[in-house]
């Protein structure tokens, strides 16, 4: 009787060509998001509004009632100073099925507005009203959007 070595099957961990394909897909999504955010920044320049782009480190949606949009930034800015959150029109992401993209603008008294790209799983329960912002000092700021105004 011969003994054969059997490699255990690992699921959920892409390797080789599959990993390369996923990484390329993420690069395409990242590039598309950068283009969308840059276009929004450019659209405000004729109005003499200088949007300052924020570098996003990671995002997630905290499950519960309500859903909370969690965004971690690579900045020491104190997000407690945010006075208003504006979101653009949601649009489907062409490179990531089932995901939606928006530009988010943060208003702060006495400063130019900030902008960041936000990609999230399409979910009708996510009204984009609850936000948790975390800076690179791990300081947290929670914000609730009370109402939306159509411009």
N, C-alpha and C. Protein backbone atom coordinates (compact mmCIF):
# COMPACT_ATOMS: atom_id res chain seq x y z
N UNK A 1 0.85 -1.16 0.00
CA UNK A 1 0.00 0.00 0.00
C UNK A 1 0.89 1.23 0.00
N UNK A 2 0.68 2.12 -0.98
CA UNK A 2 1.51 3.32 -1.06
C UNK A 2 0.79 4.49 -0.38
N UNK A 3 1.59 5.33 0.19
CA UNK A 3 1.03 6.52 0.84
C UNK A 3 1.28 7.70 -0.09
N UNK A 4 0.21 8.40 -0.41
CA UNK A 4 0.32 9.58 -1.26
C UNK A 4 0.20 10.82 -0.40
N UNK A 5 0.97 11.78 -0.74
CA UNK A 5 0.87 13.06 -0.06
C UNK A 5 -0.28 13.85 -0.68
N UNK A 6 -1.19 14.28 0.13
CA UNK A 6 -2.34 15.06 -0.36
C UNK A 6 -2.24 16.46 0.22
N UNK A 7 -2.23 17.43 -0.68
CA UNK A 7 -2.20 18.82 -0.23
C UNK A 7 -3.58 19.22 0.25
N UNK A 8 -3.67 19.84 1.42
CA UNK A 8 -4.98 20.30 1.89
C UNK A 8 -5.48 21.42 0.99
N UNK A 9 -6.78 21.43 0.77
CA UNK A 9 -7.39 22.46 -0.05
C UNK A 9 -7.69 23.67 0.83
N UNK A 10 -7.24 24.83 0.41
CA UNK A 10 -7.48 26.05 1.17
C UNK A 10 -8.44 26.90 0.36
N UNK A 11 -9.56 27.22 0.96
CA UNK A 11 -10.52 28.06 0.23
C UNK A 11 -10.43 29.49 0.75
N UNK A 12 -10.79 30.40 -0.11
CA UNK A 12 -10.81 31.81 0.28
C UNK A 12 -9.48 32.51 0.17
N UNK A 13 -8.44 31.82 -0.25
CA UNK A 13 -7.13 32.45 -0.40
C UNK A 13 -6.71 32.36 -1.86
N UNK A 14 -6.82 33.46 -2.60
CA UNK A 14 -6.44 33.41 -4.01
C UNK A 14 -4.94 33.26 -4.17
N UNK A 15 -4.56 32.52 -5.19
CA UNK A 15 -3.14 32.31 -5.47
C UNK A 15 -2.88 32.50 -6.95
N UNK A 16 -1.63 32.69 -7.31
CA UNK A 16 -1.19 32.72 -8.70
C UNK A 16 -1.97 33.66 -9.58
N UNK A 17 -2.50 33.11 -10.68
CA UNK A 17 -3.22 33.92 -11.66
C UNK A 17 -4.44 34.60 -11.06
N UNK A 18 -5.14 33.89 -10.15
CA UNK A 18 -6.33 34.47 -9.52
C UNK A 18 -5.95 35.68 -8.67
N UNK A 19 -4.87 35.59 -7.92
CA UNK A 19 -4.41 36.71 -7.11
C UNK A 19 -4.00 37.88 -8.01
N UNK A 20 -3.29 37.59 -9.08
CA UNK A 20 -2.89 38.65 -10.03
C UNK A 20 -4.12 39.35 -10.62
N UNK A 21 -5.14 38.55 -10.96
CA UNK A 21 -6.36 39.12 -11.52
C UNK A 21 -7.05 40.03 -10.50
N UNK A 22 -7.13 39.59 -9.26
CA UNK A 22 -7.77 40.40 -8.21
C UNK A 22 -7.00 41.70 -7.96
N UNK A 23 -5.68 41.61 -7.93
CA UNK A 23 -4.87 42.81 -7.71
C UNK A 23 -5.04 43.79 -8.85
N UNK A 24 -5.07 43.30 -10.09
CA UNK A 24 -5.29 44.17 -11.24
C UNK A 24 -6.66 44.82 -11.16
N UNK A 25 -7.65 44.03 -10.73
CA UNK A 25 -9.01 44.54 -10.58
C UNK A 25 -9.04 45.67 -9.55
N UNK A 26 -8.36 45.46 -8.42
CA UNK A 26 -8.30 46.50 -7.39
C UNK A 26 -7.57 47.74 -7.90
N UNK A 27 -6.52 47.55 -8.69
CA UNK A 27 -5.81 48.70 -9.27
C UNK A 27 -6.74 49.49 -10.18
N UNK A 28 -7.53 48.77 -10.98
CA UNK A 28 -8.47 49.44 -11.88
C UNK A 28 -9.52 50.20 -11.09
N UNK A 29 -10.01 49.61 -10.01
CA UNK A 29 -11.00 50.29 -9.16
C UNK A 29 -10.40 51.52 -8.51
N UNK A 30 -9.19 51.40 -7.98
CA UNK A 30 -8.52 52.53 -7.34
C UNK A 30 -8.30 53.66 -8.35
N UNK A 31 -7.86 53.32 -9.54
CA UNK A 31 -7.62 54.33 -10.57
C UNK A 31 -8.92 55.02 -10.96
N UNK A 32 -9.99 54.26 -11.11
CA UNK A 32 -11.29 54.83 -11.45
C UNK A 32 -11.78 55.79 -10.36
N UNK A 33 -11.60 55.38 -9.10
CA UNK A 33 -12.01 56.23 -7.98
C UNK A 33 -11.21 57.54 -7.97
N UNK A 34 -9.91 57.45 -8.22
CA UNK A 34 -9.07 58.66 -8.26
C UNK A 34 -9.55 59.60 -9.36
N UNK A 35 -9.92 59.03 -10.51
CA UNK A 35 -10.42 59.85 -11.62
C UNK A 35 -11.72 60.55 -11.24
N UNK A 36 -12.61 59.83 -10.58
CA UNK A 36 -13.89 60.41 -10.16
C UNK A 36 -13.67 61.55 -9.17
N UNK A 37 -12.80 61.34 -8.21
CA UNK A 37 -12.53 62.36 -7.19
C UNK A 37 -11.84 63.58 -7.82
N UNK A 38 -10.88 63.34 -8.70
CA UNK A 38 -10.18 64.44 -9.38
C UNK A 38 -11.14 65.26 -10.23
N UNK A 39 -12.07 64.59 -10.91
CA UNK A 39 -13.06 65.31 -11.72
C UNK A 39 -13.93 66.20 -10.84
N UNK A 40 -14.29 65.71 -9.68
CA UNK A 40 -15.10 66.52 -8.75
C UNK A 40 -14.31 67.73 -8.27
N UNK A 41 -13.04 67.53 -7.95
CA UNK A 41 -12.18 68.65 -7.52
C UNK A 41 -12.12 69.70 -8.62
N UNK A 42 -11.91 69.26 -9.85
CA UNK A 42 -11.83 70.18 -11.00
C UNK A 42 -13.14 70.92 -11.22
N UNK A 43 -14.27 70.25 -10.99
CA UNK A 43 -15.57 70.89 -11.22
C UNK A 43 -15.84 72.04 -10.25
N UNK A 44 -15.15 72.07 -9.12
CA UNK A 44 -15.34 73.15 -8.15
C UNK A 44 -14.41 74.33 -8.39
N UNK A 45 -13.36 74.15 -9.16
CA UNK A 45 -12.39 75.22 -9.38
C UNK A 45 -12.98 76.47 -10.04
N UNK A 46 -13.87 76.35 -11.05
CA UNK A 46 -14.48 77.57 -11.61
C UNK A 46 -15.29 78.36 -10.59
N UNK A 47 -15.75 77.68 -9.54
CA UNK A 47 -16.51 78.35 -8.47
C UNK A 47 -15.58 78.92 -7.40
N UNK A 48 -14.26 78.79 -7.65
CA UNK A 48 -13.23 79.24 -6.72
C UNK A 48 -13.30 78.53 -5.37
N UNK A 49 -13.66 77.27 -5.44
CA UNK A 49 -13.68 76.43 -4.24
C UNK A 49 -12.57 75.40 -4.40
N UNK A 50 -11.63 75.43 -3.46
CA UNK A 50 -10.50 74.53 -3.49
C UNK A 50 -10.77 73.36 -2.54
N UNK A 51 -11.13 72.21 -3.12
CA UNK A 51 -11.36 71.02 -2.31
C UNK A 51 -10.02 70.36 -2.01
N UNK A 52 -9.80 70.02 -0.76
CA UNK A 52 -8.55 69.39 -0.33
C UNK A 52 -8.78 67.89 -0.23
N UNK A 53 -8.09 67.10 -1.05
CA UNK A 53 -8.29 65.64 -0.99
C UNK A 53 -7.67 65.02 0.26
N UNK A 54 -8.41 64.11 0.86
CA UNK A 54 -7.93 63.37 2.02
C UNK A 54 -7.53 61.97 1.58
N UNK A 55 -6.45 61.46 2.15
CA UNK A 55 -5.98 60.10 1.86
C UNK A 55 -6.71 59.14 2.80
N UNK A 56 -7.44 58.21 2.21
CA UNK A 56 -8.18 57.21 2.97
C UNK A 56 -7.29 55.98 3.16
N UNK A 57 -7.18 55.53 4.40
CA UNK A 57 -6.39 54.32 4.69
C UNK A 57 -7.23 53.08 4.52
N UNK A 58 -8.44 53.08 5.08
CA UNK A 58 -9.35 51.96 4.89
C UNK A 58 -10.76 52.37 5.29
N UNK A 59 -11.71 51.56 4.88
CA UNK A 59 -13.11 51.81 5.20
C UNK A 59 -13.78 50.50 5.58
N UNK A 60 -14.90 50.63 6.25
CA UNK A 60 -15.74 49.47 6.52
C UNK A 60 -17.11 49.99 6.91
N UNK A 61 -18.06 49.10 6.91
CA UNK A 61 -19.41 49.45 7.37
C UNK A 61 -19.66 48.65 8.63
N UNK A 62 -19.92 49.37 9.71
CA UNK A 62 -20.20 48.72 10.99
C UNK A 62 -21.67 48.30 11.00
N UNK A 63 -21.89 47.01 11.17
CA UNK A 63 -23.24 46.47 11.14
C UNK A 63 -23.99 46.82 12.41
N UNK A 64 -25.26 47.00 12.29
CA UNK A 64 -26.12 47.34 13.41
C UNK A 64 -27.25 48.21 12.90
N UNK A 65 -27.99 48.75 13.80
CA UNK A 65 -29.06 49.66 13.43
C UNK A 65 -28.78 50.98 14.09
N UNK A 66 -28.43 51.96 13.36
CA UNK A 66 -28.24 52.01 11.90
C UNK A 66 -26.85 51.52 11.50
N UNK A 67 -26.66 51.34 10.18
CA UNK A 67 -25.33 51.04 9.66
C UNK A 67 -24.47 52.28 9.81
N UNK A 68 -23.19 52.09 10.15
CA UNK A 68 -22.26 53.21 10.32
C UNK A 68 -21.14 53.08 9.30
N UNK A 69 -20.91 54.14 8.55
CA UNK A 69 -19.85 54.19 7.56
C UNK A 69 -18.56 54.63 8.25
N UNK A 70 -17.63 53.70 8.39
CA UNK A 70 -16.38 53.95 9.10
C UNK A 70 -15.28 54.24 8.09
N UNK A 71 -14.57 55.37 8.30
CA UNK A 71 -13.49 55.77 7.39
C UNK A 71 -12.28 56.15 8.22
N UNK A 72 -11.15 55.52 7.90
CA UNK A 72 -9.89 55.83 8.58
C UNK A 72 -9.00 56.59 7.59
N UNK A 73 -8.48 57.73 8.06
CA UNK A 73 -7.70 58.62 7.20
C UNK A 73 -6.23 58.66 7.61
N UNK A 74 -5.39 59.03 6.67
CA UNK A 74 -3.96 59.21 6.93
C UNK A 74 -3.69 60.71 7.15
N UNK A 75 -4.26 61.23 8.22
CA UNK A 75 -4.07 62.63 8.60
C UNK A 75 -4.30 62.75 10.10
N UNK A 76 -3.69 63.75 10.70
CA UNK A 76 -3.89 64.02 12.12
C UNK A 76 -5.04 64.98 12.38
N UNK A 77 -5.78 65.36 11.33
CA UNK A 77 -6.87 66.32 11.47
C UNK A 77 -7.91 65.82 12.49
N UNK A 78 -8.43 66.75 13.28
CA UNK A 78 -9.46 66.45 14.28
C UNK A 78 -10.83 66.51 13.60
N UNK A 79 -11.41 65.36 13.32
CA UNK A 79 -12.67 65.31 12.59
C UNK A 79 -13.87 65.74 13.43
N UNK A 80 -13.66 66.04 14.70
CA UNK A 80 -14.73 66.65 15.51
C UNK A 80 -15.06 68.05 14.97
N UNK A 81 -14.14 68.65 14.22
CA UNK A 81 -14.33 70.00 13.68
C UNK A 81 -15.22 70.03 12.45
N UNK A 82 -15.59 68.87 11.92
CA UNK A 82 -16.47 68.81 10.74
C UNK A 82 -17.85 69.35 11.13
N UNK A 83 -18.35 70.28 10.31
CA UNK A 83 -19.66 70.89 10.60
C UNK A 83 -20.76 70.40 9.67
N UNK A 84 -20.37 69.87 8.50
CA UNK A 84 -21.36 69.40 7.54
C UNK A 84 -20.74 68.34 6.65
N UNK A 85 -21.55 67.35 6.28
CA UNK A 85 -21.13 66.29 5.38
C UNK A 85 -22.02 66.35 4.14
N UNK A 86 -21.37 66.45 2.98
CA UNK A 86 -22.10 66.47 1.71
C UNK A 86 -21.70 65.24 0.91
N UNK A 87 -22.68 64.60 0.30
CA UNK A 87 -22.38 63.44 -0.53
C UNK A 87 -22.85 63.70 -1.95
N UNK A 88 -22.08 63.20 -2.89
CA UNK A 88 -22.47 63.31 -4.30
C UNK A 88 -23.50 62.25 -4.65
N UNK A 89 -23.89 62.28 -5.91
CA UNK A 89 -24.85 61.30 -6.40
C UNK A 89 -24.18 59.93 -6.48
N UNK A 90 -24.78 58.92 -5.85
CA UNK A 90 -24.20 57.57 -5.92
C UNK A 90 -24.18 57.05 -7.35
N UNK A 91 -23.09 56.40 -7.69
CA UNK A 91 -23.00 55.79 -9.02
C UNK A 91 -22.39 54.39 -8.89
N UNK A 92 -22.89 53.46 -9.70
CA UNK A 92 -22.34 52.10 -9.62
C UNK A 92 -20.88 52.09 -10.04
N UNK A 93 -20.09 51.28 -9.38
CA UNK A 93 -18.68 51.14 -9.73
C UNK A 93 -18.57 50.16 -10.90
N UNK A 94 -17.99 50.60 -12.03
CA UNK A 94 -17.93 49.73 -13.20
C UNK A 94 -16.93 48.57 -13.06
N UNK A 95 -16.03 48.66 -12.10
CA UNK A 95 -15.01 47.63 -11.96
C UNK A 95 -15.26 46.69 -10.78
N UNK A 96 -16.28 46.98 -9.99
CA UNK A 96 -16.55 46.17 -8.80
C UNK A 96 -18.07 46.00 -8.66
N UNK A 97 -18.56 44.90 -9.17
CA UNK A 97 -20.00 44.64 -9.19
C UNK A 97 -20.59 44.65 -7.78
N UNK A 98 -21.74 45.33 -7.65
CA UNK A 98 -22.43 45.37 -6.37
C UNK A 98 -21.95 46.47 -5.45
N UNK A 99 -21.03 47.33 -5.95
CA UNK A 99 -20.51 48.42 -5.14
C UNK A 99 -20.91 49.76 -5.75
N UNK A 100 -21.03 50.75 -4.89
CA UNK A 100 -21.46 52.09 -5.27
C UNK A 100 -20.39 53.08 -4.84
N UNK A 101 -20.21 54.12 -5.64
CA UNK A 101 -19.19 55.14 -5.37
C UNK A 101 -19.86 56.49 -5.15
N UNK A 102 -19.32 57.25 -4.19
CA UNK A 102 -19.70 58.65 -4.00
C UNK A 102 -18.46 59.45 -3.63
N UNK A 103 -18.51 60.74 -3.93
CA UNK A 103 -17.55 61.67 -3.37
C UNK A 103 -18.17 62.21 -2.10
N UNK A 104 -17.38 62.36 -1.06
CA UNK A 104 -17.86 62.91 0.20
C UNK A 104 -17.07 64.18 0.47
N UNK A 105 -17.80 65.25 0.75
CA UNK A 105 -17.18 66.55 1.04
C UNK A 105 -17.46 66.88 2.50
N UNK A 106 -16.40 67.24 3.21
CA UNK A 106 -16.51 67.61 4.62
C UNK A 106 -16.29 69.11 4.76
N UNK A 107 -17.26 69.79 5.33
CA UNK A 107 -17.17 71.22 5.56
C UNK A 107 -16.65 71.46 6.98
N UNK A 108 -15.73 72.42 7.08
CA UNK A 108 -15.12 72.78 8.36
C UNK A 108 -15.06 74.30 8.41
N UNK A 109 -15.53 74.90 9.49
CA UNK A 109 -15.48 76.36 9.61
C UNK A 109 -14.05 76.87 9.51
N UNK A 110 -13.85 77.87 8.65
CA UNK A 110 -12.55 78.54 8.54
C UNK A 110 -11.53 77.82 7.69
N UNK A 111 -11.87 76.68 7.11
CA UNK A 111 -10.94 75.93 6.27
C UNK A 111 -11.58 75.61 4.93
N UNK A 112 -10.75 75.34 3.93
CA UNK A 112 -11.27 74.85 2.67
C UNK A 112 -11.90 73.48 2.92
N UNK A 113 -12.94 73.14 2.16
CA UNK A 113 -13.57 71.83 2.36
C UNK A 113 -12.64 70.69 1.96
N UNK A 114 -12.83 69.56 2.62
CA UNK A 114 -12.10 68.35 2.32
C UNK A 114 -12.96 67.46 1.42
N UNK A 115 -12.31 66.60 0.64
CA UNK A 115 -13.03 65.63 -0.17
C UNK A 115 -12.33 64.28 -0.08
N UNK A 116 -13.14 63.22 -0.11
CA UNK A 116 -12.55 61.88 -0.19
C UNK A 116 -13.48 60.96 -0.98
N UNK A 117 -12.88 59.97 -1.65
CA UNK A 117 -13.67 58.99 -2.39
C UNK A 117 -14.21 57.93 -1.43
N UNK A 118 -15.41 57.46 -1.68
CA UNK A 118 -15.98 56.44 -0.81
C UNK A 118 -16.68 55.37 -1.65
N UNK A 119 -16.22 54.15 -1.52
CA UNK A 119 -16.79 53.00 -2.22
C UNK A 119 -17.40 52.08 -1.18
N UNK A 120 -18.64 51.67 -1.41
CA UNK A 120 -19.30 50.83 -0.42
C UNK A 120 -20.24 49.85 -1.12
N UNK A 121 -20.53 48.76 -0.42
CA UNK A 121 -21.43 47.74 -0.96
C UNK A 121 -22.83 48.32 -1.03
N UNK A 122 -23.46 48.11 -2.18
CA UNK A 122 -24.81 48.62 -2.40
C UNK A 122 -25.77 47.93 -1.43
N UNK A 123 -26.38 48.71 -0.54
CA UNK A 123 -27.28 48.16 0.47
C UNK A 123 -28.34 49.21 0.78
N UNK A 124 -29.60 48.93 0.48
CA UNK A 124 -30.65 49.92 0.72
C UNK A 124 -30.78 50.34 2.19
N UNK A 125 -30.22 49.53 3.11
CA UNK A 125 -30.26 49.89 4.54
C UNK A 125 -29.23 50.96 4.89
N UNK A 126 -28.27 51.20 3.98
CA UNK A 126 -27.24 52.21 4.26
C UNK A 126 -27.69 53.55 3.70
N UNK A 127 -28.22 54.39 4.57
CA UNK A 127 -28.72 55.70 4.16
C UNK A 127 -27.62 56.76 4.14
N UNK A 128 -26.39 56.37 4.45
CA UNK A 128 -25.24 57.28 4.49
C UNK A 128 -25.45 58.41 5.50
N UNK A 129 -26.16 58.13 6.56
CA UNK A 129 -26.44 59.15 7.57
C UNK A 129 -25.52 59.06 8.79
N UNK A 130 -24.92 57.92 9.01
CA UNK A 130 -24.07 57.73 10.19
C UNK A 130 -22.63 57.47 9.76
N UNK A 131 -21.73 58.27 10.32
CA UNK A 131 -20.32 58.23 9.93
C UNK A 131 -19.43 58.18 11.16
N UNK A 132 -18.36 57.43 11.04
CA UNK A 132 -17.32 57.39 12.05
C UNK A 132 -16.00 57.66 11.34
N UNK A 133 -15.36 58.78 11.68
CA UNK A 133 -14.08 59.15 11.09
C UNK A 133 -12.97 58.93 12.11
N UNK A 134 -11.87 58.34 11.67
CA UNK A 134 -10.73 58.05 12.54
C UNK A 134 -9.48 58.62 11.88
N UNK A 135 -8.72 59.43 12.64
CA UNK A 135 -7.48 59.98 12.08
C UNK A 135 -6.30 59.06 12.40
N UNK A 136 -5.09 59.47 11.97
CA UNK A 136 -3.93 58.59 12.18
C UNK A 136 -3.41 58.60 13.62
N UNK A 137 -4.06 59.38 14.49
CA UNK A 137 -3.76 59.33 15.93
C UNK A 137 -4.77 58.42 16.64
N UNK A 138 -5.63 57.77 15.82
CA UNK A 138 -6.71 56.91 16.30
C UNK A 138 -7.78 57.66 17.09
N UNK A 139 -7.88 58.97 16.86
CA UNK A 139 -8.95 59.77 17.45
C UNK A 139 -10.20 59.58 16.60
N UNK A 140 -11.32 59.37 17.28
CA UNK A 140 -12.57 59.07 16.59
C UNK A 140 -13.54 60.24 16.69
N UNK A 141 -14.31 60.41 15.63
CA UNK A 141 -15.36 61.43 15.62
C UNK A 141 -16.58 60.84 14.93
N UNK A 142 -17.71 60.85 15.63
CA UNK A 142 -18.95 60.34 15.05
C UNK A 142 -19.82 61.50 14.61
N UNK A 143 -20.45 61.33 13.45
CA UNK A 143 -21.32 62.36 12.89
C UNK A 143 -22.59 61.71 12.36
N UNK A 144 -23.70 62.44 12.50
CA UNK A 144 -24.98 61.99 11.98
C UNK A 144 -25.52 63.08 11.06
N UNK A 145 -25.92 62.68 9.87
CA UNK A 145 -26.53 63.60 8.92
C UNK A 145 -28.03 63.58 9.22
N UNK A 146 -28.55 64.76 9.62
CA UNK A 146 -29.95 64.84 9.99
C UNK A 146 -30.89 64.90 8.79
N UNK A 147 -30.42 65.57 7.72
CA UNK A 147 -31.27 65.69 6.54
C UNK A 147 -30.39 65.91 5.32
N UNK A 148 -30.96 65.59 4.16
CA UNK A 148 -30.26 65.80 2.91
C UNK A 148 -30.97 66.91 2.15
N UNK A 149 -30.20 67.77 1.52
CA UNK A 149 -30.75 68.84 0.69
C UNK A 149 -30.29 68.61 -0.72
N UNK A 150 -31.21 68.63 -1.67
CA UNK A 150 -30.84 68.45 -3.07
C UNK A 150 -30.39 69.79 -3.63
N UNK A 151 -29.22 69.80 -4.23
CA UNK A 151 -28.70 71.03 -4.83
C UNK A 151 -28.99 71.08 -6.30
